[in-house]
């Protein structure tokens, strides 16, 4: 699976991601969250 570029995550994955409450501000960018999830799946951590 190689490293996913931030632009690819924003164009292909985030449009399908539900954000939840519109008044809720995230403390991390969603691209970093998606990258961390894929890293965990890849490494098995």
C-alpha atoms as a PDB file:
ATOM      1  CA  UNK A   1       0.000   0.000   0.000  1.00  0.00           C
ATOM      2  CA  UNK A   2       2.454   2.980  -0.160  1.00  0.00           C
ATOM      3  CA  UNK A   3       2.050   6.238   1.610  1.00  0.00           C
ATOM      4  CA  UNK A   4      -1.171   8.050   0.793  1.00  0.00           C
ATOM      5  CA  UNK A   5      -0.637  11.654  -0.195  1.00  0.00           C
ATOM      6  CA  UNK A   6      -2.716  14.274   1.619  1.00  0.00           C
ATOM      7  CA  UNK A   7      -4.351  15.382  -1.646  1.00  0.00           C
ATOM      8  CA  UNK A   8      -5.471  11.827  -2.443  1.00  0.00           C
ATOM      9  CA  UNK A   9      -6.991  11.436   1.019  1.00  0.00           C
ATOM     10  CA  UNK A  10      -8.835  14.758   0.661  1.00  0.00           C
ATOM     11  CA  UNK A  11     -10.210  13.924  -2.805  1.00  0.00           C
ATOM     12  CA  UNK A  12     -11.043  10.223  -2.488  1.00  0.00           C
ATOM     13  CA  UNK A  13     -11.630   9.368   1.179  1.00  0.00           C
ATOM     14  CA  UNK A  14     -12.833  12.446   3.067  1.00  0.00           C
ATOM     15  CA  UNK A  15     -15.873  13.134   0.853  1.00  0.00           C
ATOM     16  CA  UNK A  16     -17.257   9.773   2.050  1.00  0.00           C
ATOM     17  CA  UNK A  17     -16.408  10.413   5.709  1.00  0.00           C
ATOM     18  CA  UNK A  18     -19.159  11.719   7.944  1.00  0.00           C
ATOM     19  CA  UNK A  19     -17.946  14.533  10.163  1.00  0.00           C
ATOM     20  CA  UNK A  20     -20.684  14.393  12.780  1.00  0.00           C
ATOM     21  CA  UNK A  21     -21.951  17.444  14.628  1.00  0.00           C
ATOM     22  CA  UNK A  22     -21.377  20.590  12.515  1.00  0.00           C
ATOM     23  CA  UNK A  23     -20.649  22.650  15.649  1.00  0.00           C
ATOM     24  CA  UNK A  24     -17.838  20.299  16.729  1.00  0.00           C
ATOM     25  CA  UNK A  25     -14.303  21.434  15.887  1.00  0.00           C
ATOM     26  CA  UNK A  26     -11.726  18.676  15.496  1.00  0.00           C
ATOM     27  CA  UNK A  27      -8.347  19.150  17.141  1.00  0.00           C
ATOM     28  CA  UNK A  28      -6.545  17.142  14.441  1.00  0.00           C
ATOM     29  CA  UNK A  29      -6.915  17.362  10.680  1.00  0.00           C
ATOM     30  CA  UNK A  30      -8.952  14.430   9.370  1.00  0.00           C
ATOM     31  CA  UNK A  31      -6.173  13.602   6.900  1.00  0.00           C
ATOM     32  CA  UNK A  32      -3.857  12.820   9.826  1.00  0.00           C
ATOM     33  CA  UNK A  33      -6.510  10.625  11.428  1.00  0.00           C
ATOM     34  CA  UNK A  34      -6.983   8.651   8.202  1.00  0.00           C
ATOM     35  CA  UNK A  35      -3.207   8.312   7.776  1.00  0.00           C
ATOM     36  CA  UNK A  36      -2.877   7.015  11.350  1.00  0.00           C
ATOM     37  CA  UNK A  37      -5.659   4.461  10.790  1.00  0.00           C
ATOM     38  CA  UNK A  38      -4.009   3.155   7.618  1.00  0.00           C
ATOM     39  CA  UNK A  39      -0.629   3.056   9.358  1.00  0.00           C
ATOM     40  CA  UNK A  40      -2.105   0.969  12.162  1.00  0.00           C
ATOM     41  CA  UNK A  41      -3.709  -1.413   9.679  1.00  0.00           C
ATOM     42  CA  UNK A  42      -0.477  -1.738   7.705  1.00  0.00           C
ATOM     43  CA  UNK A  43       1.825  -2.339  10.672  1.00  0.00           C
ATOM     44  CA  UNK A  44      -0.599  -4.312  12.807  1.00  0.00           C
ATOM     45  CA  UNK A  45      -0.206  -2.008  15.801  1.00  0.00           C
END
